[in-house]
Amino acid sequence: MKTTKGFNKISRKNKIFGLEFFDFLVLIVLYLIVFLFSKNLFANLAIVLGGYFFLRFYKKGKTQHWTASLVRFLITPRRYFPKKETDKEIFK
């Protein structure tokens, strides 16, 4: 039986602890913010671990780069500039 060699790593997402790189950066930012406000190590790690499990649950079934696209959508300004129309475009 002849088979074709497949390269599984090409079609897979790059993951760190089961999360994409951008999601891992979100966890690092959460870690830094939590440790700025509280010095309790166990409570802070519990919050970061809760954030990790939330991201794992949230990302289930989503497409690749979902979180990065969502953050980009929320951060970009919502300014729509009116297009200047010429008389030719108006009276067609």
PDB file of N, CA and C in Angstrom:
ATOM      1  N   MET A   1       0.842  -1.170   0.000  1.00  0.00           N
ATOM      2  CA  MET A   1       0.000   0.000   0.000  1.00  0.00           C
ATOM      3  C   MET A   1       0.894   1.243   0.000  1.00  0.00           C
ATOM      4  N   LYS A   2       0.660   2.144  -0.925  1.00  0.00           N
ATOM      5  CA  LYS A   2       1.460   3.356  -1.019  1.00  0.00           C
ATOM      6  C   LYS A   2       0.787   4.465  -0.215  1.00  0.00           C
ATOM      7  N   THR A   3       1.600   5.193   0.504  1.00  0.00           N
ATOM      8  CA  THR A   3       1.088   6.320   1.284  1.00  0.00           C
ATOM      9  C   THR A   3       1.890   7.566   0.961  1.00  0.00           C
ATOM     10  N   THR A   4       1.297   8.688   1.239  1.00  0.00           N
ATOM     11  CA  THR A   4       1.974   9.964   1.036  1.00  0.00           C
ATOM     12  C   THR A   4       2.444  10.473   2.386  1.00  0.00           C
ATOM     13  N   LYS A   5       3.680  10.938   2.411  1.00  0.00           N
ATOM     14  CA  LYS A   5       4.228  11.467   3.653  1.00  0.00           C
ATOM     15  C   LYS A   5       3.560  12.801   3.974  1.00  0.00           C
ATOM     16  N   GLY A   6       3.066  12.930   5.180  1.00  0.00           N
ATOM     17  CA  GLY A   6       2.389  14.163   5.590  1.00  0.00           C
ATOM     18  C   GLY A   6       3.243  14.956   6.553  1.00  0.00           C
ATOM     19  N   PHE A   7       3.138  16.253   6.482  1.00  0.00           N
ATOM     20  CA  PHE A   7       3.860  17.146   7.383  1.00  0.00           C
ATOM     21  C   PHE A   7       2.841  17.814   8.292  1.00  0.00           C
ATOM     22  N   ASN A   8       2.637  17.223   9.451  1.00  0.00           N
ATOM     23  CA  ASN A   8       1.597  17.699  10.369  1.00  0.00           C
ATOM     24  C   ASN A   8       1.929  19.041  10.993  1.00  0.00           C
ATOM     25  N   LYS A   9       3.196  19.354  11.177  1.00  0.00           N
ATOM     26  CA  LYS A   9       3.580  20.608  11.829  1.00  0.00           C
ATOM     27  C   LYS A   9       3.243  21.822  10.966  1.00  0.00           C
ATOM     28  N   ILE A  10       3.136  21.649   9.661  1.00  0.00           N
ATOM     29  CA  ILE A  10       2.858  22.779   8.785  1.00  0.00           C
ATOM     30  C   ILE A  10       1.451  23.315   9.020  1.00  0.00           C
ATOM     31  N   SER A  11       0.491  22.440   9.177  1.00  0.00           N
ATOM     32  CA  SER A  11      -0.893  22.881   9.303  1.00  0.00           C
ATOM     33  C   SER A  11      -1.317  23.135  10.747  1.00  0.00           C
ATOM     34  N   ARG A  12      -0.489  22.825  11.708  1.00  0.00           N
ATOM     35  CA  ARG A  12      -0.843  23.042  13.117  1.00  0.00           C
ATOM     36  C   ARG A  12      -0.469  24.435  13.581  1.00  0.00           C
ATOM     37  N   LYS A  13      -1.163  24.885  14.620  1.00  0.00           N
ATOM     38  CA  LYS A  13      -0.848  26.158  15.241  1.00  0.00           C
ATOM     39  C   LYS A  13       0.374  25.988  16.134  1.00  0.00           C
ATOM     40  N   ASN A  14       1.198  27.023  16.220  1.00  0.00           N
ATOM     41  CA  ASN A  14       2.289  27.015  17.187  1.00  0.00           C
ATOM     42  C   ASN A  14       1.691  27.331  18.547  1.00  0.00           C
ATOM     43  N   LYS A  15       1.943  26.470  19.516  1.00  0.00           N
ATOM     44  CA  LYS A  15       1.318  26.647  20.823  1.00  0.00           C
ATOM     45  C   LYS A  15       2.344  26.599  21.944  1.00  0.00           C
ATOM     46  N   ILE A  16       2.051  27.355  23.004  1.00  0.00           N
ATOM     47  CA  ILE A  16       2.826  27.338  24.237  1.00  0.00           C
ATOM     48  C   ILE A  16       1.843  27.009  25.337  1.00  0.00           C
ATOM     49  N   PHE A  17       1.998  25.882  25.974  1.00  0.00           N
ATOM     50  CA  PHE A  17       1.062  25.401  26.994  1.00  0.00           C
ATOM     51  C   PHE A  17      -0.363  25.329  26.460  1.00  0.00           C
ATOM     52  N   GLY A  18      -0.513  25.008  25.195  1.00  0.00           N
ATOM     53  CA  GLY A  18      -1.829  24.865  24.601  1.00  0.00           C
ATOM     54  C   GLY A  18      -2.444  26.162  24.106  1.00  0.00           C
ATOM     55  N   LEU A  19      -1.720  27.282  24.228  1.00  0.00           N
ATOM     56  CA  LEU A  19      -2.236  28.575  23.773  1.00  0.00           C
ATOM     57  C   LEU A  19      -1.329  29.132  22.690  1.00  0.00           C
ATOM     58  N   GLU A  20      -1.899  29.971  21.836  1.00  0.00           N
ATOM     59  CA  GLU A  20      -1.096  30.640  20.826  1.00  0.00           C
ATOM     60  C   GLU A  20      -0.194  31.667  21.495  1.00  0.00           C
ATOM     61  N   PHE A  21       0.775  32.169  20.749  1.00  0.00           N
ATOM     62  CA  PHE A  21       1.761  33.101  21.307  1.00  0.00           C
ATOM     63  C   PHE A  21       1.091  34.369  21.828  1.00  0.00           C
ATOM     64  N   PHE A  22       0.130  34.923  21.088  1.00  0.00           N
ATOM     65  CA  PHE A  22      -0.539  36.143  21.536  1.00  0.00           C
ATOM     66  C   PHE A  22      -1.314  35.893  22.831  1.00  0.00           C
ATOM     67  N   ASP A  23      -1.942  34.728  22.955  1.00  0.00           N
ATOM     68  CA  ASP A  23      -2.658  34.396  24.184  1.00  0.00           C
ATOM     69  C   ASP A  23      -1.691  34.274  25.359  1.00  0.00           C
ATOM     70  N   PHE A  24      -0.522  33.739  25.083  1.00  0.00           N
ATOM     71  CA  PHE A  24       0.501  33.634  26.122  1.00  0.00           C
ATOM     72  C   PHE A  24       0.960  35.035  26.552  1.00  0.00           C
ATOM     73  N   LEU A  25       1.043  35.974  25.605  1.00  0.00           N
ATOM     74  CA  LEU A  25       1.371  37.355  25.962  1.00  0.00           C
ATOM     75  C   LEU A  25       0.278  37.992  26.814  1.00  0.00           C
ATOM     76  N   VAL A  26      -0.972  37.648  26.536  1.00  0.00           N
ATOM     77  CA  VAL A  26      -2.081  38.146  27.365  1.00  0.00           C
ATOM     78  C   VAL A  26      -1.928  37.633  28.795  1.00  0.00           C
ATOM     79  N   LEU A  27      -1.527  36.368  28.949  1.00  0.00           N
ATOM     80  CA  LEU A  27      -1.300  35.830  30.298  1.00  0.00           C
ATOM     81  C   LEU A  27      -0.141  36.522  31.002  1.00  0.00           C
ATOM     82  N   ILE A  28       0.907  36.852  30.268  1.00  0.00           N
ATOM     83  CA  ILE A  28       2.048  37.549  30.871  1.00  0.00           C
ATOM     84  C   ILE A  28       1.637  38.940  31.337  1.00  0.00           C
ATOM     85  N   VAL A  29       0.841  39.642  30.536  1.00  0.00           N
ATOM     86  CA  VAL A  29       0.356  40.967  30.939  1.00  0.00           C
ATOM     87  C   VAL A  29      -0.547  40.848  32.160  1.00  0.00           C
ATOM     88  N   LEU A  30      -1.410  39.838  32.189  1.00  0.00           N
ATOM     89  CA  LEU A  30      -2.255  39.596  33.365  1.00  0.00           C
ATOM     90  C   LEU A  30      -1.394  39.340  34.600  1.00  0.00           C
ATOM     91  N   TYR A  31      -0.350  38.557  34.446  1.00  0.00           N
ATOM     92  CA  TYR A  31       0.577  38.260  35.537  1.00  0.00           C
ATOM     93  C   TYR A  31       1.213  39.548  36.073  1.00  0.00           C
ATOM     94  N   LEU A  32       1.681  40.412  35.167  1.00  0.00           N
ATOM     95  CA  LEU A  32       2.316  41.665  35.593  1.00  0.00           C
ATOM     96  C   LEU A  32       1.329  42.594  36.284  1.00  0.00           C
ATOM     97  N   ILE A  33       0.110  42.679  35.757  1.00  0.00           N
ATOM     98  CA  ILE A  33      -0.896  43.550  36.378  1.00  0.00           C
ATOM     99  C   ILE A  33      -1.288  43.045  37.753  1.00  0.00           C
ATOM    100  N   VAL A  34      -1.471  41.739  37.894  1.00  0.00           N
ATOM    101  CA  VAL A  34      -1.881  41.174  39.179  1.00  0.00           C
ATOM    102  C   VAL A  34      -0.800  41.381  40.226  1.00  0.00           C
ATOM    103  N   PHE A  35       0.462  41.211  39.857  1.00  0.00           N
ATOM    104  CA  PHE A  35       1.534  41.367  40.823  1.00  0.00           C
ATOM    105  C   PHE A  35       1.818  42.827  41.149  1.00  0.00           C
ATOM    106  N   LEU A  36       1.321  43.764  40.356  1.00  0.00           N
ATOM    107  CA  LEU A  36       1.456  45.173  40.725  1.00  0.00           C
ATOM    108  C   LEU A  36       0.537  45.534  41.887  1.00  0.00           C
ATOM    109  N   PHE A  37      -0.629  44.902  41.950  1.00  0.00           N
ATOM    110  CA  PHE A  37      -1.616  45.272  42.956  1.00  0.00           C
ATOM    111  C   PHE A  37      -1.596  44.412  44.209  1.00  0.00           C
ATOM    112  N   SER A  38      -1.049  43.219  44.134  1.00  0.00           N
ATOM    113  CA  SER A  38      -1.082  42.336  45.295  1.00  0.00           C
ATOM    114  C   SER A  38       0.255  41.618  45.434  1.00  0.00           C
ATOM    115  N   LYS A  39       0.651  41.371  46.655  1.00  0.00           N
ATOM    116  CA  LYS A  39       1.913  40.666  46.916  1.00  0.00           C
ATOM    117  C   LYS A  39       1.684  39.223  47.363  1.00  0.00           C
ATOM    118  N   ASN A  40       0.432  38.779  47.410  1.00  0.00           N
ATOM    119  CA  ASN A  40       0.121  37.419  47.820  1.00  0.00           C
ATOM    120  C   ASN A  40       0.360  36.471  46.642  1.00  0.00           C
ATOM    121  N   LEU A  41       1.396  35.652  46.750  1.00  0.00           N
ATOM    122  CA  LEU A  41       1.816  34.797  45.646  1.00  0.00           C
ATOM    123  C   LEU A  41       0.742  33.784  45.262  1.00  0.00           C
ATOM    124  N   PHE A  42       0.138  33.128  46.233  1.00  0.00           N
ATOM    125  CA  PHE A  42      -0.832  32.077  45.938  1.00  0.00           C
ATOM    126  C   PHE A  42      -2.106  32.635  45.297  1.00  0.00           C
ATOM    127  N   ALA A  43      -2.571  33.763  45.789  1.00  0.00           N
ATOM    128  CA  ALA A  43      -3.765  34.380  45.197  1.00  0.00           C
ATOM    129  C   ALA A  43      -3.475  34.851  43.774  1.00  0.00           C
ATOM    130  N   ASN A  44      -2.298  35.425  43.570  1.00  0.00           N
ATOM    131  CA  ASN A  44      -1.929  35.899  42.232  1.00  0.00           C
ATOM    132  C   ASN A  44      -1.803  34.744  41.253  1.00  0.00           C
ATOM    133  N   LEU A  45      -1.178  33.671  41.669  1.00  0.00           N
ATOM    134  CA  LEU A  45      -1.045  32.512  40.787  1.00  0.00           C
ATOM    135  C   LEU A  45      -2.397  31.866  40.512  1.00  0.00           C
ATOM    136  N   ALA A  46      -3.298  31.912  41.496  1.00  0.00           N
ATOM    137  CA  ALA A  46      -4.644  31.385  41.276  1.00  0.00           C
ATOM    138  C   ALA A  46      -5.384  32.225  40.231  1.00  0.00           C
ATOM    139  N   ILE A  47      -5.206  33.536  40.269  1.00  0.00           N
ATOM    140  CA  ILE A  47      -5.840  34.415  39.288  1.00  0.00           C
ATOM    141  C   ILE A  47      -5.260  34.165  37.895  1.00  0.00           C
ATOM    142  N   VAL A  48      -3.945  34.025  37.799  1.00  0.00           N
ATOM    143  CA  VAL A  48      -3.308  33.770  36.506  1.00  0.00           C
ATOM    144  C   VAL A  48      -3.710  32.392  35.986  1.00  0.00           C
ATOM    145  N   LEU A  49      -3.779  31.407  36.860  1.00  0.00           N
ATOM    146  CA  LEU A  49      -4.211  30.073  36.454  1.00  0.00           C
ATOM    147  C   LEU A  49      -5.676  30.095  35.993  1.00  0.00           C
ATOM    148  N   GLY A  50      -6.503  30.867  36.672  1.00  0.00           N
ATOM    149  CA  GLY A  50      -7.888  31.036  36.240  1.00  0.00           C
ATOM    150  C   GLY A  50      -7.961  31.694  34.866  1.00  0.00           C
ATOM    151  N   GLY A  51      -7.099  32.680  34.626  1.00  0.00           N
ATOM    152  CA  GLY A  51      -7.031  33.314  33.307  1.00  0.00           C
ATOM    153  C   GLY A  51      -6.583  32.337  32.233  1.00  0.00           C
ATOM    154  N   TYR A  52      -5.640  31.465  32.584  1.00  0.00           N
ATOM    155  CA  TYR A  52      -5.173  30.442  31.645  1.00  0.00           C
ATOM    156  C   TYR A  52      -6.307  29.496  31.255  1.00  0.00           C
ATOM    157  N   PHE A  53      -7.029  28.990  32.250  1.00  0.00           N
ATOM    158  CA  PHE A  53      -8.127  28.074  31.955  1.00  0.00           C
ATOM    159  C   PHE A  53      -9.271  28.771  31.214  1.00  0.00           C
ATOM    160  N   PHE A  54      -9.493  30.060  31.527  1.00  0.00           N
ATOM    161  CA  PHE A  54     -10.492  30.822  30.789  1.00  0.00           C
ATOM    162  C   PHE A  54     -10.107  30.931  29.316  1.00  0.00           C
ATOM    163  N   LEU A  55      -8.834  31.248  29.039  1.00  0.00           N
ATOM    164  CA  LEU A  55      -8.385  31.350  27.647  1.00  0.00           C
ATOM    165  C   LEU A  55      -8.465  30.008  26.931  1.00  0.00           C
ATOM    166  N   ARG A  56      -8.123  28.926  27.630  1.00  0.00           N
ATOM    167  CA  ARG A  56      -8.219  27.595  27.009  1.00  0.00           C
ATOM    168  C   ARG A  56      -9.675  27.268  26.664  1.00  0.00           C
ATOM    169  N   PHE A  57     -10.591  27.594  27.584  1.00  0.00           N
ATOM    170  CA  PHE A  57     -12.014  27.345  27.337  1.00  0.00           C
ATOM    171  C   PHE A  57     -12.541  28.257  26.234  1.00  0.00           C
ATOM    172  N   TYR A  58     -12.118  29.517  26.263  1.00  0.00           N
ATOM    173  CA  TYR A  58     -12.566  30.511  25.288  1.00  0.00           C
ATOM    174  C   TYR A  58     -12.087  30.174  23.879  1.00  0.00           C
ATOM    175  N   LYS A  59     -10.869  29.646  23.751  1.00  0.00           N
ATOM    176  CA  LYS A  59     -10.281  29.376  22.442  1.00  0.00           C
ATOM    177  C   LYS A  59     -10.760  28.067  21.830  1.00  0.00           C
ATOM    178  N   LYS A  60     -11.474  27.261  22.555  1.00  0.00           N
ATOM    179  CA  LYS A  60     -11.911  25.969  22.028  1.00  0.00           C
ATOM    180  C   LYS A  60     -12.860  26.169  20.850  1.00  0.00           C
ATOM    181  N   GLY A  61     -12.492  25.641  19.701  1.00  0.00           N
ATOM    182  CA  GLY A  61     -13.309  25.740  18.504  1.00  0.00           C
ATOM    183  C   GLY A  61     -13.138  27.022  17.718  1.00  0.00           C
ATOM    184  N   LYS A  62     -12.290  27.937  18.179  1.00  0.00           N
ATOM    185  CA  LYS A  62     -12.070  29.191  17.468  1.00  0.00           C
ATOM    186  C   LYS A  62     -10.980  29.001  16.410  1.00  0.00           C
ATOM    187  N   THR A  63     -10.974  29.892  15.428  1.00  0.00           N
ATOM    188  CA  THR A  63      -9.965  29.814  14.387  1.00  0.00           C
ATOM    189  C   THR A  63      -8.625  30.339  14.888  1.00  0.00           C
ATOM    190  N   GLN A  64      -7.618  30.127  14.061  1.00  0.00           N
ATOM    191  CA  GLN A  64      -6.278  30.573  14.409  1.00  0.00           C
ATOM    192  C   GLN A  64      -6.235  32.096  14.471  1.00  0.00           C
ATOM    193  N   HIS A  65      -5.519  32.653  15.437  1.00  0.00           N
ATOM    194  CA  HIS A  65      -5.340  34.094  15.663  1.00  0.00           C
ATOM    195  C   HIS A  65      -6.641  34.805  16.017  1.00  0.00           C
ATOM    196  N   TRP A  66      -7.566  34.131  16.656  1.00  0.00           N
ATOM    197  CA  TRP A  66      -8.853  34.728  17.015  1.00  0.00           C
ATOM    198  C   TRP A  66      -8.687  35.867  18.014  1.00  0.00           C
ATOM    199  N   THR A  67      -7.893  35.658  19.058  1.00  0.00           N
ATOM    200  CA  THR A  67      -7.734  36.662  20.103  1.00  0.00           C
ATOM    201  C   THR A  67      -7.031  37.904  19.560  1.00  0.00           C
ATOM    202  N   ALA A  68      -6.008  37.711  18.739  1.00  0.00           N
ATOM    203  CA  ALA A  68      -5.301  38.860  18.167  1.00  0.00           C
ATOM    204  C   ALA A  68      -6.238  39.673  17.281  1.00  0.00           C
ATOM    205  N   SER A  69      -7.083  39.014  16.512  1.00  0.00           N
ATOM    206  CA  SER A  69      -8.036  39.723  15.662  1.00  0.00           C
ATOM    207  C   SER A  69      -9.065  40.477  16.497  1.00  0.00           C
ATOM    208  N   LEU A  70      -9.518  39.876  17.588  1.00  0.00           N
ATOM    209  CA  LEU A  70     -10.490  40.528  18.460  1.00  0.00           C
ATOM    210  C   LEU A  70      -9.894  41.765  19.119  1.00  0.00           C
ATOM    211  N   VAL A  71      -8.671  41.655  19.627  1.00  0.00           N
ATOM    212  CA  VAL A  71      -8.018  42.800  20.274  1.00  0.00           C
ATOM    213  C   VAL A  71      -7.759  43.904  19.257  1.00  0.00           C
ATOM    214  N   ARG A  72      -7.333  43.541  18.065  1.00  0.00           N
ATOM    215  CA  ARG A  72      -7.106  44.535  17.016  1.00  0.00           C
ATOM    216  C   ARG A  72      -8.412  45.242  16.652  1.00  0.00           C
ATOM    217  N   PHE A  73      -9.503  44.505  16.596  1.00  0.00           N
ATOM    218  CA  PHE A  73     -10.811  45.096  16.296  1.00  0.00           C
ATOM    219  C   PHE A  73     -11.239  46.067  17.392  1.00  0.00           C
ATOM    220  N   LEU A  74     -11.006  45.720  18.658  1.00  0.00           N
ATOM    221  CA  LEU A  74     -11.425  46.575  19.765  1.00  0.00           C
ATOM    222  C   LEU A  74     -10.551  47.811  19.923  1.00  0.00           C
ATOM    223  N   ILE A  75      -9.284  47.724  19.536  1.00  0.00           N
ATOM    224  CA  ILE A  75      -8.350  48.830  19.746  1.00  0.00           C
ATOM    225  C   ILE A  75      -8.381  49.839  18.602  1.00  0.00           C
ATOM    226  N   THR A  76      -8.636  49.408  17.391  1.00  0.00           N
ATOM    227  CA  THR A  76      -8.582  50.337  16.257  1.00  0.00           C
ATOM    228  C   THR A  76      -9.655  51.411  16.388  1.00  0.00           C
ATOM    229  N   PRO A  77      -9.315  52.638  16.026  1.00  0.00           N
ATOM    230  CA  PRO A  77     -10.289  53.734  16.144  1.00  0.00           C
ATOM    231  C   PRO A  77     -11.417  53.573  15.144  1.00  0.00           C
ATOM    232  N   ARG A  78     -12.584  54.074  15.517  1.00  0.00           N
ATOM    233  CA  ARG A  78     -13.770  53.970  14.684  1.00  0.00           C
ATOM    234  C   ARG A  78     -14.045  55.302  13.990  1.00  0.00           C
ATOM    235  N   ARG A  79     -13.133  55.769  13.204  1.00  0.00           N
ATOM    236  CA  ARG A  79     -13.331  57.009  12.469  1.00  0.00           C
ATOM    237  C   ARG A  79     -13.526  56.683  11.003  1.00  0.00           C
ATOM    238  N   TYR A  80     -14.626  57.100  10.483  1.00  0.00           N
ATOM    239  CA  TYR A  80     -14.909  56.901   9.075  1.00  0.00           C
ATOM    240  C   TYR A  80     -14.980  58.277   8.419  1.00  0.00           C
ATOM    241  N   PHE A  81     -14.052  58.514   7.546  1.00  0.00           N
ATOM    242  CA  PHE A  81     -13.977  59.814   6.912  1.00  0.00           C
ATOM    243  C   PHE A  81     -14.910  59.843   5.701  1.00  0.00           C
ATOM    244  N   PRO A  82     -15.691  60.914   5.582  1.00  0.00           N
ATOM    245  CA  PRO A  82     -16.595  60.993   4.428  1.00  0.00           C
ATOM    246  C   PRO A  82     -15.790  61.154   3.137  1.00  0.00           C
ATOM    247  N   LYS A  83     -16.276  60.500   2.133  1.00  0.00           N
ATOM    248  CA  LYS A  83     -15.610  60.559   0.837  1.00  0.00           C
ATOM    249  C   LYS A  83     -16.109  61.792   0.092  1.00  0.00           C
ATOM    250  N   LYS A  84     -15.179  62.541  -0.466  1.00  0.00           N
ATOM    251  CA  LYS A  84     -15.575  63.703  -1.261  1.00  0.00           C
ATOM    252  C   LYS A  84     -16.051  63.210  -2.614  1.00  0.00           C
ATOM    253  N   GLU A  85     -17.255  63.565  -2.930  1.00  0.00           N
ATOM    254  CA  GLU A  85     -17.819  63.141  -4.204  1.00  0.00           C
ATOM    255  C   GLU A  85     -17.744  64.282  -5.200  1.00  0.00           C
ATOM    256  N   THR A  86     -17.492  63.919  -6.408  1.00  0.00           N
ATOM    257  CA  THR A  86     -17.488  64.926  -7.462  1.00  0.00           C
ATOM    258  C   THR A  86     -18.898  65.011  -8.056  1.00  0.00           C
ATOM    259  N   ASP A  87     -19.128  66.056  -8.829  1.00  0.00           N
ATOM    260  CA  ASP A  87     -20.446  66.224  -9.458  1.00  0.00           C
ATOM    261  C   ASP A  87     -20.759  65.080 -10.412  1.00  0.00           C
ATOM    262  N   LYS A  88     -19.741  64.530 -11.025  1.00  0.00           N
ATOM    263  CA  LYS A  88     -19.962  63.417 -11.959  1.00  0.00           C
ATOM    264  C   LYS A  88     -20.495  62.177 -11.222  1.00  0.00           C
ATOM    265  N   GLU A  89     -19.984  61.943 -10.037  1.00  0.00           N
ATOM    266  CA  GLU A  89     -20.428  60.766  -9.266  1.00  0.00           C
ATOM    267  C   GLU A  89     -21.841  60.959  -8.739  1.00  0.00           C
ATOM    268  N   ILE A  90     -22.202  62.175  -8.389  1.00  0.00           N
ATOM    269  CA  ILE A  90     -23.520  62.442  -7.808  1.00  0.00           C
ATOM    270  C   ILE A  90     -24.616  62.357  -8.854  1.00  0.00           C
ATOM    271  N   PHE A  91     -24.394  62.917 -10.023  1.00  0.00           N
ATOM    272  CA  PHE A  91     -25.434  63.028 -11.033  1.00  0.00           C
ATOM    273  C   PHE A  91     -25.291  61.983 -12.153  1.00  0.00           C
ATOM    274  N   LYS A  92     -24.968  60.777 -11.824  1.00  0.00           N
ATOM    275  CA  LYS A  92     -24.863  59.723 -12.841  1.00  0.00           C
ATOM    276  C   LYS A  92     -26.198  59.158 -13.172  1.00  0.00           C
TER     277      LYS A  92
END
